[in-house]
C-alpha atoms as a PDB file:
ATOM      1  CA  GLU A   1     -17.447  -9.877  15.153  1.00  0.00           C
ATOM      2  CA  HIS A   2     -19.453  -7.498  17.338  1.00  0.00           C
ATOM      3  CA  ASP A   3     -21.717  -8.528  20.210  1.00  0.00           C
ATOM      4  CA  GLY A   4     -21.669 -12.103  18.964  1.00  0.00           C
ATOM      5  CA  GLU A   5     -22.668 -11.140  15.418  1.00  0.00           C
ATOM      6  CA  ARG A   6     -20.257 -11.890  12.585  1.00  0.00           C
ATOM      7  CA  PHE A   7     -20.078  -9.529   9.635  1.00  0.00           C
ATOM      8  CA  LEU A   8     -17.844  -8.733   6.674  1.00  0.00           C
ATOM      9  CA  THR A   9     -16.463  -5.267   6.047  1.00  0.00           C
ATOM     10  CA  MET A  10     -14.990  -4.191   2.717  1.00  0.00           C
ATOM     11  CA  GLU A  11     -13.243  -1.053   1.605  1.00  0.00           C
ATOM     12  CA  LEU A  12     -15.229   1.164  -0.772  1.00  0.00           C
ATOM     13  CA  VAL A  13     -12.812   1.789  -3.628  1.00  0.00           C
ATOM     14  CA  ASP A  14     -13.433   4.506  -6.202  1.00  0.00           C
ATOM     15  CA  GLY A  15     -11.071   3.234  -8.854  1.00  0.00           C
ATOM     16  CA  GLU A  16     -10.811   2.293 -12.517  1.00  0.00           C
ATOM     17  CA  PRO A  17     -10.285  -1.365 -13.493  1.00  0.00           C
ATOM     18  CA  LEU A  18      -6.798  -1.995 -14.832  1.00  0.00           C
ATOM     19  CA  ASP A  19      -8.108  -3.665 -17.995  1.00  0.00           C
ATOM     20  CA  ALA A  20     -10.055  -0.496 -18.863  1.00  0.00           C
ATOM     21  CA  VAL A  21      -6.942   1.647 -18.351  1.00  0.00           C
ATOM     22  CA  ILE A  22      -4.832  -0.678 -20.503  1.00  0.00           C
ATOM     23  CA  ALA A  23      -7.444  -0.709 -23.285  1.00  0.00           C
ATOM     24  CA  ARG A  24      -7.832   3.074 -23.186  1.00  0.00           C
ATOM     25  CA  LEU A  25      -4.090   3.684 -23.416  1.00  0.00           C
ATOM     26  CA  GLY A  26      -3.192   0.681 -25.594  1.00  0.00           C
ATOM     27  CA  GLY A  27      -0.841  -0.612 -22.886  1.00  0.00           C
ATOM     28  CA  LEU A  28       1.124   1.227 -20.226  1.00  0.00           C
ATOM     29  CA  GLY A  29       4.572   2.721 -20.416  1.00  0.00           C
ATOM     30  CA  GLN A  30       7.338   0.951 -18.523  1.00  0.00           C
ATOM     31  CA  LYS A  31       7.477   3.646 -15.835  1.00  0.00           C
ATOM     32  CA  ALA A  32       3.824   3.178 -14.864  1.00  0.00           C
ATOM     33  CA  ALA A  33       3.877  -0.592 -15.383  1.00  0.00           C
ATOM     34  CA  ILE A  34       6.723  -1.234 -12.958  1.00  0.00           C
ATOM     35  CA  GLY A  35       4.974   0.561 -10.108  1.00  0.00           C
ATOM     36  CA  ILE A  36       1.650  -1.174 -10.684  1.00  0.00           C
ATOM     37  CA  ALA A  37       3.266  -4.603 -11.055  1.00  0.00           C
ATOM     38  CA  LYS A  38       5.190  -4.172  -7.793  1.00  0.00           C
ATOM     39  CA  GLN A  39       2.026  -3.209  -5.924  1.00  0.00           C
ATOM     40  CA  ILE A  40       0.088  -6.189  -7.270  1.00  0.00           C
ATOM     41  CA  CYS A  41       2.994  -8.429  -6.321  1.00  0.00           C
ATOM     42  CA  ALA A  42       2.956  -7.050  -2.779  1.00  0.00           C
ATOM     43  CA  GLY A  43      -0.802  -7.624  -2.559  1.00  0.00           C
ATOM     44  CA  MET A  44      -0.410 -11.220  -3.703  1.00  0.00           C
ATOM     45  CA  ALA A  45       2.319 -11.807  -1.150  1.00  0.00           C
ATOM     46  CA  ALA A  46       0.068 -10.493   1.643  1.00  0.00           C
ATOM     47  CA  ALA A  47      -2.858 -12.688   0.551  1.00  0.00           C
ATOM     48  CA  HIS A  48      -0.677 -15.779   0.288  1.00  0.00           C
ATOM     49  CA  ALA A  49       0.867 -15.096   3.693  1.00  0.00           C
ATOM     50  CA  ALA A  50      -2.687 -15.149   5.066  1.00  0.00           C
ATOM     51  CA  GLY A  51      -3.319 -18.511   3.369  1.00  0.00           C
ATOM     52  CA  ILE A  52      -5.528 -17.102   0.595  1.00  0.00           C
ATOM     53  CA  ILE A  53      -5.317 -18.130  -3.079  1.00  0.00           C
ATOM     54  CA  HIS A  54      -7.205 -15.623  -5.228  1.00  0.00           C
ATOM     55  CA  ARG A  55      -7.810 -18.008  -8.192  1.00  0.00           C
ATOM     56  CA  ASP A  56      -9.166 -15.267 -10.485  1.00  0.00           C
ATOM     57  CA  LEU A  57      -6.385 -12.719 -10.600  1.00  0.00           C
ATOM     58  CA  LYS A  58      -6.807 -10.637 -13.761  1.00  0.00           C
ATOM     59  CA  ALA A  59      -6.600  -7.050 -14.954  1.00  0.00           C
ATOM     60  CA  GLN A  60     -10.340  -6.569 -14.508  1.00  0.00           C
ATOM     61  CA  ASN A  61      -9.968  -7.360 -10.804  1.00  0.00           C
ATOM     62  CA  ILE A  62      -7.259  -4.768 -10.201  1.00  0.00           C
ATOM     63  CA  LEU A  63      -8.620  -1.326  -9.319  1.00  0.00           C
ATOM     64  CA  LEU A  64      -6.396   1.711  -9.793  1.00  0.00           C
ATOM     65  CA  VAL A  65      -7.069   4.521  -7.353  1.00  0.00           C
ATOM     66  CA  LYS A  66      -5.597   7.939  -8.101  1.00  0.00           C
ATOM     67  CA  GLY A  67      -4.461   9.976  -5.126  1.00  0.00           C
ATOM     68  CA  LYS A  68      -4.485  13.764  -4.818  1.00  0.00           C
ATOM     69  CA  ASP A  69      -0.839  13.786  -5.906  1.00  0.00           C
ATOM     70  CA  GLY A  70      -1.672  11.855  -9.082  1.00  0.00           C
ATOM     71  CA  GLN A  71      -0.025   8.639  -7.925  1.00  0.00           C
ATOM     72  CA  LEU A  72      -1.868   5.383  -8.510  1.00  0.00           C
ATOM     73  CA  THR A  73      -2.500   2.683  -5.944  1.00  0.00           C
ATOM     74  CA  ALA A  74      -3.363  -0.802  -7.220  1.00  0.00           C
ATOM     75  CA  LYS A  75      -6.002  -2.701  -5.228  1.00  0.00           C
ATOM     76  CA  ILE A  76      -6.707  -6.411  -5.735  1.00  0.00           C
ATOM     77  CA  SER A  77     -10.466  -6.974  -5.715  1.00  0.00           C
ATOM     78  CA  ASP A  78     -13.073  -9.731  -6.137  1.00  0.00           C
ATOM     79  CA  PHE A  79     -12.038 -12.555  -3.828  1.00  0.00           C
ATOM     80  CA  GLY A  80     -15.358 -14.286  -4.529  1.00  0.00           C
ATOM     81  CA  ILE A  81     -13.820 -17.590  -5.632  1.00  0.00           C
ATOM     82  CA  SER A  82     -10.690 -17.359  -3.506  1.00  0.00           C
ATOM     83  CA  LYS A  83      -9.567 -20.373  -1.503  1.00  0.00           C
ATOM     84  CA  ASP A  84      -8.531 -20.394   2.136  1.00  0.00           C
ATOM     85  CA  THR A  85      -5.816 -23.043   2.205  1.00  0.00           C
ATOM     86  CA  GLY A  86      -6.383 -23.578   5.902  1.00  0.00           C
ATOM     87  CA  SER A  87     -10.072 -24.408   5.593  1.00  0.00           C
ATOM     88  CA  GLY A  88     -11.882 -27.534   4.553  1.00  0.00           C
ATOM     89  CA  GLY A  89     -14.860 -27.693   2.240  1.00  0.00           C
ATOM     90  CA  GLN A  90     -14.529 -26.891  -1.432  1.00  0.00           C
ATOM     91  CA  SER A  91     -11.755 -28.731  -3.205  1.00  0.00           C
ATOM     92  CA  SER A  92      -8.817 -26.582  -4.242  1.00  0.00           C
ATOM     93  CA  SER A  93      -8.689 -28.650  -7.434  1.00  0.00           C
ATOM     94  CA  MET A  94     -11.986 -27.337  -8.838  1.00  0.00           C
ATOM     95  CA  MET A  95     -11.727 -25.592 -12.235  1.00  0.00           C
ATOM     96  CA  VAL A  96     -12.663 -21.968 -11.618  1.00  0.00           C
ATOM     97  CA  GLY A  97     -11.343 -18.708 -12.996  1.00  0.00           C
ATOM     98  CA  THR A  98     -11.116 -16.701 -16.224  1.00  0.00           C
ATOM     99  CA  ILE A  99      -9.661 -18.819 -18.992  1.00  0.00           C
ATOM    100  CA  GLU A 100      -7.226 -16.238 -20.418  1.00  0.00           C
ATOM    101  CA  TYR A 101      -5.502 -16.074 -17.021  1.00  0.00           C
ATOM    102  CA  MET A 102      -5.874 -19.676 -15.843  1.00  0.00           C
ATOM    103  CA  ALA A 103      -2.851 -21.826 -15.059  1.00  0.00           C
ATOM    104  CA  PRO A 104      -2.477 -25.348 -16.504  1.00  0.00           C
ATOM    105  CA  GLU A 105      -3.139 -26.959 -13.117  1.00  0.00           C
ATOM    106  CA  GLN A 106      -6.579 -25.344 -13.041  1.00  0.00           C
ATOM    107  CA  PHE A 107      -7.479 -27.483 -16.068  1.00  0.00           C
ATOM    108  CA  SER A 108      -5.550 -30.594 -15.039  1.00  0.00           C
ATOM    109  CA  PRO A 109      -4.352 -30.564 -11.418  1.00  0.00           C
ATOM    110  CA  ALA A 110      -3.285 -34.204 -11.557  1.00  0.00           C
ATOM    111  CA  LYS A 111      -0.811 -33.490 -14.374  1.00  0.00           C
ATOM    112  CA  TYR A 112       0.349 -29.944 -13.664  1.00  0.00           C
ATOM    113  CA  GLY A 113      -0.452 -29.361  -9.998  1.00  0.00           C
ATOM    114  CA  ILE A 114       1.456 -29.913  -6.790  1.00  0.00           C
ATOM    115  CA  ASP A 115       0.368 -33.211  -5.250  1.00  0.00           C
ATOM    116  CA  GLY A 116      -2.637 -33.177  -7.563  1.00  0.00           C
ATOM    117  CA  LYS A 117      -3.923 -29.804  -6.355  1.00  0.00           C
ATOM    118  CA  VAL A 118      -3.547 -26.121  -7.069  1.00  0.00           C
ATOM    119  CA  SER A 119      -1.294 -24.007  -4.891  1.00  0.00           C
ATOM    120  CA  SER A 120      -0.836 -20.285  -4.340  1.00  0.00           C
ATOM    121  CA  ASN A 121       1.597 -20.066  -7.242  1.00  0.00           C
ATOM    122  CA  LEU A 122      -1.295 -20.403  -9.690  1.00  0.00           C
ATOM    123  CA  ASP A 123      -1.807 -16.695  -8.890  1.00  0.00           C
ATOM    124  CA  LEU A 124       1.762 -16.094 -10.079  1.00  0.00           C
ATOM    125  CA  TRP A 125       0.862 -17.596 -13.472  1.00  0.00           C
ATOM    126  CA  SER A 126      -2.010 -15.087 -13.688  1.00  0.00           C
ATOM    127  CA  PHE A 127       0.351 -12.313 -12.623  1.00  0.00           C
ATOM    128  CA  GLY A 128       2.666 -13.192 -15.513  1.00  0.00           C
ATOM    129  CA  ILE A 129      -0.267 -12.879 -17.906  1.00  0.00           C
ATOM    130  CA  MET A 130      -1.058  -9.440 -16.468  1.00  0.00           C
ATOM    131  CA  VAL A 131       2.519  -8.207 -16.760  1.00  0.00           C
ATOM    132  CA  HIS A 132       2.442  -9.103 -20.462  1.00  0.00           C
ATOM    133  CA  GLU A 133      -0.915  -7.360 -20.801  1.00  0.00           C
ATOM    134  CA  LEU A 134       0.315  -4.231 -19.004  1.00  0.00           C
ATOM    135  CA  LEU A 135       2.846  -3.574 -21.741  1.00  0.00           C
ATOM    136  CA  THR A 136       1.183  -4.988 -24.862  1.00  0.00           C
ATOM    137  CA  ASN A 137      -2.578  -4.721 -24.293  1.00  0.00           C
ATOM    138  CA  THR A 138      -2.796  -8.437 -25.143  1.00  0.00           C
ATOM    139  CA  THR A 139      -2.901 -11.690 -23.193  1.00  0.00           C
ATOM    140  CA  PRO A 140      -0.184 -14.055 -24.483  1.00  0.00           C
ATOM    141  CA  PHE A 141      -2.365 -17.127 -25.086  1.00  0.00           C
ATOM    142  CA  GLY A 142      -5.153 -15.260 -26.879  1.00  0.00           C
ATOM    143  CA  SER A 143      -8.410 -13.617 -25.937  1.00  0.00           C
ATOM    144  CA  ARG A 144     -12.064 -14.373 -26.504  1.00  0.00           C
ATOM    145  CA  ASP A 145     -12.494 -10.727 -27.480  1.00  0.00           C
ATOM    146  CA  GLY A 146     -11.176 -11.662 -30.907  1.00  0.00           C
ATOM    147  CA  TYR A 147     -11.767 -14.767 -33.024  1.00  0.00           C
ATOM    148  CA  THR A 148     -10.134 -17.157 -30.555  1.00  0.00           C
ATOM    149  CA  THR A 149     -12.336 -19.669 -28.744  1.00  0.00           C
ATOM    150  CA  ALA A 150     -12.029 -20.774 -25.129  1.00  0.00           C
ATOM    151  CA  GLU A 151     -10.973 -24.216 -26.350  1.00  0.00           C
ATOM    152  CA  GLN A 152      -8.160 -22.725 -28.438  1.00  0.00           C
ATOM    153  CA  ILE A 153      -6.912 -20.669 -25.498  1.00  0.00           C
ATOM    154  CA  MET A 154      -6.915 -23.734 -23.266  1.00  0.00           C
ATOM    155  CA  SER A 155      -5.010 -25.691 -25.920  1.00  0.00           C
ATOM    156  CA  GLN A 156      -2.375 -22.953 -26.118  1.00  0.00           C
ATOM    157  CA  ILE A 157      -1.994 -22.849 -22.334  1.00  0.00           C
ATOM    158  CA  LEU A 158      -1.592 -26.626 -22.137  1.00  0.00           C
ATOM    159  CA  SER A 159       0.918 -26.763 -25.003  1.00  0.00           C
ATOM    160  CA  THR A 160       3.618 -25.893 -22.396  1.00  0.00           C
ATOM    161  CA  GLU A 161       5.397 -23.731 -24.991  1.00  0.00           C
ATOM    162  CA  MET A 162       6.333 -20.159 -24.110  1.00  0.00           C
ATOM    163  CA  PRO A 163       4.519 -17.717 -26.445  1.00  0.00           C
ATOM    164  CA  ASP A 164       6.818 -16.121 -29.034  1.00  0.00           C
ATOM    165  CA  GLY A 165       6.032 -12.577 -27.966  1.00  0.00           C
ATOM    166  CA  ILE A 166       7.555 -13.038 -24.520  1.00  0.00           C
ATOM    167  CA  ASP A 167      11.102 -12.620 -25.850  1.00  0.00           C
ATOM    168  CA  ARG A 168      10.190  -9.216 -27.260  1.00  0.00           C
ATOM    169  CA  LEU A 169       9.347  -7.836 -23.820  1.00  0.00           C
ATOM    170  CA  PRO A 170      11.931  -5.526 -22.224  1.00  0.00           C
ATOM    171  CA  GLU A 171      13.679  -6.498 -19.020  1.00  0.00           C
ATOM    172  CA  PRO A 172      12.870  -7.028 -16.207  1.00  0.00           C
ATOM    173  CA  TYR A 173       9.408  -7.890 -17.505  1.00  0.00           C
ATOM    174  CA  LYS A 174      10.600 -10.687 -19.778  1.00  0.00           C
ATOM    175  CA  SER A 175      12.332 -12.475 -16.912  1.00  0.00           C
ATOM    176  CA  VAL A 176       9.327 -12.036 -14.617  1.00  0.00           C
ATOM    177  CA  VAL A 177       6.888 -13.426 -17.189  1.00  0.00           C
ATOM    178  CA  LYS A 178       9.135 -16.393 -17.950  1.00  0.00           C
ATOM    179  CA  LYS A 179       9.368 -17.247 -14.247  1.00  0.00           C
ATOM    180  CA  CYS A 180       5.584 -17.118 -13.950  1.00  0.00           C
ATOM    181  CA  LEU A 181       4.532 -18.935 -17.132  1.00  0.00           C
ATOM    182  CA  VAL A 182       6.053 -22.307 -16.320  1.00  0.00           C
ATOM    183  CA  ALA A 183       3.435 -24.983 -17.019  1.00  0.00           C
ATOM    184  CA  ASN A 184       4.375 -27.392 -14.237  1.00  0.00           C
ATOM    185  CA  ALA A 185       3.479 -25.760 -10.912  1.00  0.00           C
ATOM    186  CA  LYS A 186       6.235 -27.724  -9.172  1.00  0.00           C
ATOM    187  CA  GLU A 187       8.830 -25.973 -11.348  1.00  0.00           C
ATOM    188  CA  ARG A 188       7.221 -22.518 -11.306  1.00  0.00           C
ATOM    189  CA  ILE A 189       8.327 -19.788  -8.934  1.00  0.00           C
ATOM    190  CA  ARG A 190       6.556 -20.416  -5.623  1.00  0.00           C
ATOM    191  CA  ARG A 191       6.358 -17.053  -3.844  1.00  0.00           C
ATOM    192  CA  ALA A 192       5.374 -13.557  -4.917  1.00  0.00           C
ATOM    193  CA  SER A 193       8.131 -12.149  -2.718  1.00  0.00           C
ATOM    194  CA  GLU A 194      10.712 -13.926  -4.883  1.00  0.00           C
ATOM    195  CA  LEU A 195       9.644 -11.870  -7.899  1.00  0.00           C
ATOM    196  CA  ALA A 196      10.709  -8.667  -6.144  1.00  0.00           C
ATOM    197  CA  VAL A 197      14.330  -9.640  -6.826  1.00  0.00           C
ATOM    198  CA  SER A 198      13.687  -9.023 -10.528  1.00  0.00           C
ATOM    199  CA  TYR A 199      12.944  -5.374  -9.804  1.00  0.00           C
ATOM    200  CA  THR A 200      15.805  -4.564  -7.438  1.00  0.00           C
ATOM    201  CA  HIS A 201      18.077  -3.059 -10.094  1.00  0.00           C
ATOM    202  CA  LEU A 202      15.451  -0.484 -11.047  1.00  0.00           C
ATOM    203  CA  ARG A 203      15.152   2.751  -9.112  1.00  0.00           C
ATOM    204  CA  ALA A 204      11.813   3.489  -7.500  1.00  0.00           C
ATOM    205  CA  HIS A 205       9.357   5.331  -9.744  1.00  0.00           C
ATOM    206  CA  GLU A 206       6.243   7.247  -8.926  1.00  0.00           C
ATOM    207  CA  THR A 207       3.290   5.256 -10.143  1.00  0.00           C
ATOM    208  CA  VAL A 208       1.703   7.697 -12.576  1.00  0.00           C
ATOM    209  CA  LEU A 209       0.432   7.136 -16.090  1.00  0.00           C
ATOM    210  CA  ASP A 210       2.884   8.143 -18.791  1.00  0.00           C
END
């Protein structure tokens, strides 16, 4: 606010969307993936601490900015349908998002949500989808880029079964994805900061593309 006038400022980011990078490389190596995943996790934790649920977290909304030293910084973008948990207005139970990354409670909050509503840990479901995508160049419940329909993807998400490919992921990614892709939000990991524990046994890597 300046002189009684309210305005919104946004950072101008010259970066490449994560989904484009993944598609170009056919998935990222583990060294690059761990750094990017940790940065996204930190960004989620900061948003949630401020009472913001993104609700459309996906690879397309992560911008990778390359520094002069070649290191990549991951920026979470497009908060257009985010929800301020401290505000009134729009119901947090509305079905919004990108279906490949949507959590079960976004389709049926009464059955899968917490007290019949979505909570910030729906972003952690989406994060689990992205971690899988980082390594495999695929989303675990299917993609509309192929022959799969939106209805089929929704059916897979609501089946509550863990996709077979998850067990083929290396650690710590497998454990992270399994913590995130729990259908019932009440039983799913609640905080992004809790996921950091899964990375503690790995030494820090520079975030560069392999």
